[in-house]
Amino acid sequence: MNEMHDHHTHIHDHHDTIQRLKSAEGHLRGIQRMLEEDTYCIDIIRQIQAVQAALNKISVNILEQHLNSCVITAVRGENLQERERVLKEITDVFETATKV
């Protein structure tokens, strides 16, 4: 699900998020090296779990920004369709996140 809503005009400071992504990217490269070097499997799994935790934190930070900007604006606004759309988006994100 890769929907882009370019009608939003909220400006977010993504500096911290970008730094976290770069860090996760470095860890992913490290995992690739570990696989190439035939590192002990449990060590590789621990590194994968660390990257997953980092990505989850990034997701939470972005969601928090979204809730404090786009969602609040929509909920306070007069446009019922926009309010319902934004709330459905959040429900959809959680449904997707909980699928195994």
Protein backbone atom coordinates (compact mmCIF):
# COMPACT_ATOMS: atom_id res chain seq x y z
CA MET A 1 0.00 0.00 0.00
CA ASN A 2 1.91 2.99 -1.27
CA GLU A 3 -0.62 5.81 -1.38
CA MET A 4 0.69 9.34 -1.50
CA HIS A 5 -1.52 12.23 -0.50
CA ASP A 6 0.13 15.31 -1.92
CA HIS A 7 -2.75 17.57 -0.85
CA HIS A 8 -1.30 17.66 2.67
CA THR A 9 0.68 20.80 3.33
CA HIS A 10 2.11 19.88 6.73
CA ILE A 11 5.85 20.30 7.05
CA HIS A 12 7.63 17.72 9.18
CA ASP A 13 11.16 17.77 10.54
CA HIS A 14 12.50 14.41 9.42
CA HIS A 15 16.15 15.01 10.35
CA ASP A 16 16.10 12.57 13.30
CA THR A 17 14.15 10.02 11.27
CA ILE A 18 16.62 10.21 8.39
CA GLN A 19 19.53 9.71 10.82
CA ARG A 20 17.79 6.66 12.29
CA LEU A 21 17.22 5.24 8.79
CA LYS A 22 20.87 5.74 7.90
CA SER A 23 21.83 3.88 11.06
CA ALA A 24 19.44 1.02 10.22
CA GLU A 25 20.85 0.95 6.70
CA GLY A 26 24.35 0.54 8.12
CA HIS A 27 23.15 -2.32 10.32
CA LEU A 28 21.57 -4.00 7.27
CA ARG A 29 24.88 -3.81 5.44
CA GLY A 30 26.49 -5.33 8.52
CA ILE A 31 24.02 -8.21 8.38
CA GLN A 32 24.90 -8.78 4.73
CA ARG A 33 28.60 -8.94 5.67
CA MET A 34 27.80 -11.33 8.51
CA LEU A 35 26.05 -13.63 6.04
CA GLU A 36 28.93 -13.42 3.59
CA GLU A 37 31.35 -14.28 6.40
CA ASP A 38 29.12 -17.15 7.58
CA THR A 39 28.67 -15.64 11.04
CA TYR A 40 26.87 -17.65 13.71
CA CYS A 41 23.14 -17.70 12.88
CA ILE A 42 21.94 -16.52 16.30
CA ASP A 43 24.17 -13.44 16.05
CA ILE A 44 22.67 -12.66 12.65
CA ILE A 45 19.13 -13.08 14.00
CA ARG A 46 19.93 -10.72 16.89
CA GLN A 47 21.14 -8.10 14.43
CA ILE A 48 18.00 -8.53 12.31
CA GLN A 49 15.89 -8.06 15.44
CA ALA A 50 17.82 -4.88 16.27
CA VAL A 51 17.09 -3.49 12.78
CA GLN A 52 13.42 -4.43 13.12
CA ALA A 53 13.25 -2.63 16.47
CA ALA A 54 14.90 0.45 14.93
CA LEU A 55 12.42 0.45 12.03
CA ASN A 56 9.51 0.08 14.47
CA LYS A 57 10.78 3.12 16.40
CA ILE A 58 11.02 5.09 13.14
CA SER A 59 7.46 4.07 12.28
CA VAL A 60 6.20 5.18 15.68
CA ASN A 61 7.94 8.55 15.33
CA ILE A 62 6.42 9.16 11.89
CA LEU A 63 2.98 8.09 13.12
CA GLU A 64 3.26 10.45 16.07
CA GLN A 65 4.08 13.35 13.74
CA HIS A 66 1.15 12.38 11.53
CA LEU A 67 -1.26 12.19 14.46
CA ASN A 68 -0.13 15.56 15.75
CA SER A 69 -0.53 17.28 12.40
CA CYS A 70 -2.61 15.74 9.62
CA VAL A 71 -4.99 13.81 11.86
CA ILE A 72 -5.63 16.64 14.30
CA THR A 73 -6.28 19.00 11.39
CA ALA A 74 -8.72 16.55 9.80
CA VAL A 75 -10.56 15.79 13.04
CA ARG A 76 -10.94 19.48 13.87
CA GLY A 77 -11.95 20.33 10.31
CA GLU A 78 -15.41 20.54 8.82
CA ASN A 79 -14.84 17.97 6.07
CA LEU A 80 -16.46 14.76 7.27
CA GLN A 81 -15.09 12.71 4.35
CA GLU A 82 -11.52 13.83 5.06
CA ARG A 83 -11.97 13.01 8.76
CA GLU A 84 -13.25 9.52 7.95
CA ARG A 85 -10.50 8.96 5.37
CA VAL A 86 -7.72 9.89 7.78
CA LEU A 87 -9.12 7.73 10.56
CA LYS A 88 -9.55 4.79 8.16
CA GLU A 89 -5.93 5.20 7.07
CA ILE A 90 -4.78 4.73 10.64
CA THR A 91 -6.96 1.66 11.08
CA ASP A 92 -5.58 0.23 7.84
CA VAL A 93 -1.99 0.82 8.97
CA PHE A 94 -2.58 -1.07 12.20
CA GLU A 95 -4.35 -3.90 10.41
CA THR A 96 -1.41 -4.24 8.04
CA ALA A 97 1.09 -4.09 10.91
CA THR A 98 -0.61 -6.91 12.78
CA LYS A 99 -0.74 -9.33 9.86
CA VAL A 100 1.75 -12.14 10.20
